[in-house]
Amino acid sequence: MRHLVLLLCAAALLSGCQSHRYDPIALAGPIDIPRFMGDWYVIAHIPLPPERQAWNAIERYDLNEDDSIATTFTFRQGDAEGEEKRYTPTAFVTDDPSNAVWKMQFLWPFKADFRVIWLDEDYQTTIIGRQKRDYVWIMARQPEIDAALYQELKQFLQDQGYDLTELRQVPQIWLPK
């Protein structure tokens, strides 16, 4: 956790020093926030350093009374039986009426860019990206998706300007308890 906090602090501080402007990235929307809540399995990602060895990654969203979003990100480190890691940032929707631009707060007062850039009409598959196109998460309500859909989502990301050389499929191997 300490490494993630330090990483996010450094990224937030350095982001203020940049002068590069990015082309607008696609936004899904309008998003029905209550419908978006619940569990999302991470199918693939360009990961933050703490999640480079993630297995069985799940991002869960729960709407708080103040309309912020309690987020619980859990995964196993290294393999299906690895140490469980858990992060609990809070998200804030900052773009109305699309509800697709969020700020994710791991440590006060820093908030990271988080955008719902693709969402199917059935709320079964989504892509979370960033304007800087440095990190991305392909997620679904089930632990796997159809190979053709996965290729379509990768093409979408390339069309949005993502370099997919760091894209990693997240193993979703659930062992009986």
Protein backbone atom coordinates (compact mmCIF):
# COMPACT_ATOMS: atom_id res chain seq x y z
CA MET A 1 0.00 0.00 0.00
CA ARG A 2 2.82 2.39 0.89
CA HIS A 3 4.33 1.94 -2.58
CA LEU A 4 1.02 2.73 -4.26
CA VAL A 5 0.55 5.86 -2.14
CA LEU A 6 4.08 7.07 -2.93
CA LEU A 7 3.59 6.35 -6.61
CA LEU A 8 0.32 8.26 -6.75
CA CYS A 9 1.80 11.21 -4.86
CA ALA A 10 4.76 11.36 -7.23
CA ALA A 11 2.50 11.08 -10.27
CA ALA A 12 0.24 13.85 -8.99
CA LEU A 13 3.16 16.16 -8.31
CA LEU A 14 4.80 15.47 -11.66
CA SER A 15 1.57 15.87 -13.59
CA GLY A 16 1.54 19.53 -12.60
CA CYS A 17 4.92 19.97 -14.31
CA GLN A 18 3.83 18.71 -17.71
CA SER A 19 2.98 20.93 -20.64
CA HIS A 20 1.84 18.22 -23.07
CA ARG A 21 -1.74 18.51 -24.26
CA TYR A 22 -3.55 15.29 -25.12
CA ASP A 23 -6.21 14.86 -27.75
CA PRO A 24 -9.61 14.23 -26.19
CA ILE A 25 -10.28 10.59 -25.45
CA ALA A 26 -13.66 8.95 -26.11
CA LEU A 27 -16.16 8.93 -23.27
CA ALA A 28 -18.94 6.44 -22.73
CA GLY A 29 -22.16 7.91 -21.63
CA PRO A 30 -24.45 8.92 -20.39
CA ILE A 31 -23.74 6.41 -17.63
CA ASP A 32 -26.41 5.27 -15.22
CA ILE A 33 -24.25 5.32 -12.09
CA PRO A 34 -26.41 2.98 -9.95
CA ARG A 35 -26.45 0.45 -12.79
CA PHE A 36 -22.65 0.68 -13.13
CA MET A 37 -22.15 -0.27 -9.47
CA GLY A 38 -21.10 -3.77 -8.45
CA ASP A 39 -18.29 -6.16 -9.29
CA TRP A 40 -16.13 -5.88 -12.41
CA TYR A 41 -13.48 -8.52 -13.21
CA VAL A 42 -10.28 -7.06 -14.65
CA ILE A 43 -9.78 -8.87 -17.95
CA ALA A 44 -6.68 -6.96 -19.07
CA HIS A 45 -4.81 -3.82 -18.13
CA ILE A 46 -1.84 -1.57 -18.57
CA PRO A 47 -1.15 -1.81 -14.85
CA LEU A 48 -0.01 0.50 -12.13
CA PRO A 49 3.21 -0.90 -10.58
CA PRO A 50 1.50 -2.57 -7.58
CA GLU A 51 -0.80 -4.58 -9.87
CA ARG A 52 1.78 -5.84 -12.39
CA GLN A 53 1.54 -9.40 -11.01
CA ALA A 54 -2.22 -9.32 -10.31
CA TRP A 55 -4.36 -12.44 -10.57
CA ASN A 56 -8.12 -12.63 -9.98
CA ALA A 57 -8.44 -8.85 -9.93
CA ILE A 58 -11.88 -7.43 -9.16
CA GLU A 59 -12.91 -3.79 -8.92
CA ARG A 60 -16.09 -3.21 -6.91
CA TYR A 61 -18.07 0.04 -6.86
CA ASP A 62 -20.68 1.01 -4.26
CA LEU A 63 -22.55 4.30 -4.30
CA ASN A 64 -22.25 6.28 -1.06
CA GLU A 65 -25.03 8.50 0.33
CA ASP A 66 -23.04 11.61 -0.67
CA ASP A 67 -22.85 10.32 -4.31
CA SER A 68 -19.16 9.49 -4.01
CA ILE A 69 -18.25 5.94 -4.96
CA ALA A 70 -16.62 3.53 -2.52
CA THR A 71 -14.16 1.48 -4.54
CA THR A 72 -12.63 -1.82 -3.48
CA PHE A 73 -9.90 -3.23 -5.70
CA THR A 74 -8.73 -6.72 -4.73
CA PHE A 75 -6.36 -9.15 -6.36
CA ARG A 76 -3.95 -11.99 -5.62
CA GLN A 77 -0.25 -11.20 -5.93
CA GLY A 78 1.69 -13.48 -8.30
CA ASP A 79 -0.74 -16.39 -8.65
CA ALA A 80 -4.22 -17.65 -7.77
CA GLU A 81 -3.11 -18.49 -4.23
CA GLY A 82 -0.90 -15.44 -3.70
CA GLU A 83 -1.25 -12.85 -1.00
CA GLU A 84 -4.50 -10.89 -1.29
CA LYS A 85 -4.01 -7.17 -1.90
CA ARG A 86 -6.79 -4.66 -1.29
CA TYR A 87 -7.03 -0.95 -2.11
CA THR A 88 -10.01 1.22 -1.18
CA PRO A 89 -9.95 4.58 -2.96
CA THR A 90 -12.98 6.83 -3.28
CA ALA A 91 -14.23 8.01 -6.66
CA PHE A 92 -16.00 11.27 -7.44
CA VAL A 93 -18.02 11.78 -10.64
CA THR A 94 -16.92 15.12 -12.08
CA ASP A 95 -18.63 15.22 -15.47
CA ASP A 96 -22.37 15.74 -15.69
CA PRO A 97 -24.38 14.68 -17.75
CA SER A 98 -22.12 11.90 -19.12
CA ASN A 99 -21.03 10.67 -15.65
CA ALA A 100 -17.98 9.22 -17.46
CA VAL A 101 -15.22 11.37 -15.93
CA TRP A 102 -14.25 10.45 -12.39
CA LYS A 103 -11.51 11.43 -10.00
CA MET A 104 -10.11 8.55 -7.97
CA GLN A 105 -8.70 9.49 -4.57
CA PHE A 106 -6.25 7.08 -2.97
CA LEU A 107 -4.76 9.68 -0.65
CA TRP A 108 -6.14 13.09 0.25
CA PRO A 109 -5.87 15.61 -1.41
CA PHE A 110 -4.64 13.90 -4.58
CA LYS A 111 -7.15 12.69 -7.17
CA ALA A 112 -6.24 10.70 -10.28
CA ASP A 113 -7.94 10.90 -13.68
CA PHE A 114 -10.30 7.97 -14.31
CA ARG A 115 -12.59 7.81 -17.33
CA VAL A 116 -15.21 5.36 -18.51
CA ILE A 117 -14.24 5.37 -22.19
CA TRP A 118 -16.25 2.37 -23.38
CA LEU A 119 -19.33 0.65 -22.01
CA ASP A 120 -21.64 -1.81 -23.72
CA GLU A 121 -25.37 -1.13 -23.59
CA ASP A 122 -25.98 -4.08 -21.24
CA TYR A 123 -23.40 -2.86 -18.69
CA GLN A 124 -21.48 -6.14 -19.00
CA THR A 125 -18.15 -4.88 -20.40
CA THR A 126 -16.32 -1.60 -19.88
CA ILE A 127 -13.00 0.09 -20.42
CA ILE A 128 -11.57 2.52 -17.89
CA GLY A 129 -8.87 4.78 -19.27
CA ARG A 130 -7.05 8.02 -18.67
CA GLN A 131 -6.64 11.11 -20.80
CA LYS A 132 -2.85 10.57 -20.73
CA ARG A 133 -3.33 7.03 -22.11
CA ASP A 134 -0.80 5.64 -19.66
CA TYR A 135 -3.00 3.11 -17.82
CA VAL A 136 -6.13 1.21 -18.83
CA TRP A 137 -8.43 -1.49 -17.48
CA ILE A 138 -10.68 -3.73 -19.60
CA MET A 139 -13.32 -5.12 -17.24
CA ALA A 140 -16.39 -7.35 -17.40
CA ARG A 141 -19.10 -8.67 -15.11
CA GLN A 142 -17.78 -12.20 -15.73
CA PRO A 143 -14.17 -13.43 -15.32
CA GLU A 144 -13.71 -13.91 -19.07
CA ILE A 145 -14.95 -12.44 -22.34
CA ASP A 146 -15.23 -13.70 -25.91
CA ALA A 147 -11.94 -13.57 -27.87
CA ALA A 148 -13.54 -11.58 -30.70
CA LEU A 149 -14.82 -8.96 -28.25
CA TYR A 150 -11.38 -8.76 -26.64
CA GLN A 151 -9.82 -8.04 -30.05
CA GLU A 152 -12.50 -5.39 -30.74
CA LEU A 153 -11.71 -3.68 -27.42
CA LYS A 154 -7.98 -3.73 -28.15
CA GLN A 155 -8.66 -2.13 -31.54
CA PHE A 156 -10.78 0.52 -29.84
CA LEU A 157 -7.86 1.30 -27.52
CA GLN A 158 -5.43 1.57 -30.43
CA ASP A 159 -7.87 3.90 -32.19
CA GLN A 160 -7.87 6.05 -29.02
CA GLY A 161 -4.08 6.38 -29.17
CA TYR A 162 -3.06 3.73 -26.64
CA ASP A 163 0.26 1.92 -27.05
CA LEU A 164 -0.69 -1.65 -26.16
CA THR A 165 2.82 -3.06 -25.75
CA GLU A 166 2.29 -3.11 -21.95
CA LEU A 167 -1.26 -4.52 -22.11
CA ARG A 168 -1.45 -7.61 -19.91
CA GLN A 169 -4.27 -10.13 -19.65
CA VAL A 170 -5.10 -10.69 -16.00
CA PRO A 171 -5.35 -14.37 -15.09
CA GLN A 172 -8.78 -15.16 -13.66
CA ILE A 173 -8.30 -18.64 -12.22
CA TRP A 174 -10.63 -19.27 -9.33
CA LEU A 175 -9.70 -22.23 -7.16
CA PRO A 176 -12.29 -24.07 -5.05
CA LYS A 177 -12.25 -23.03 -1.41
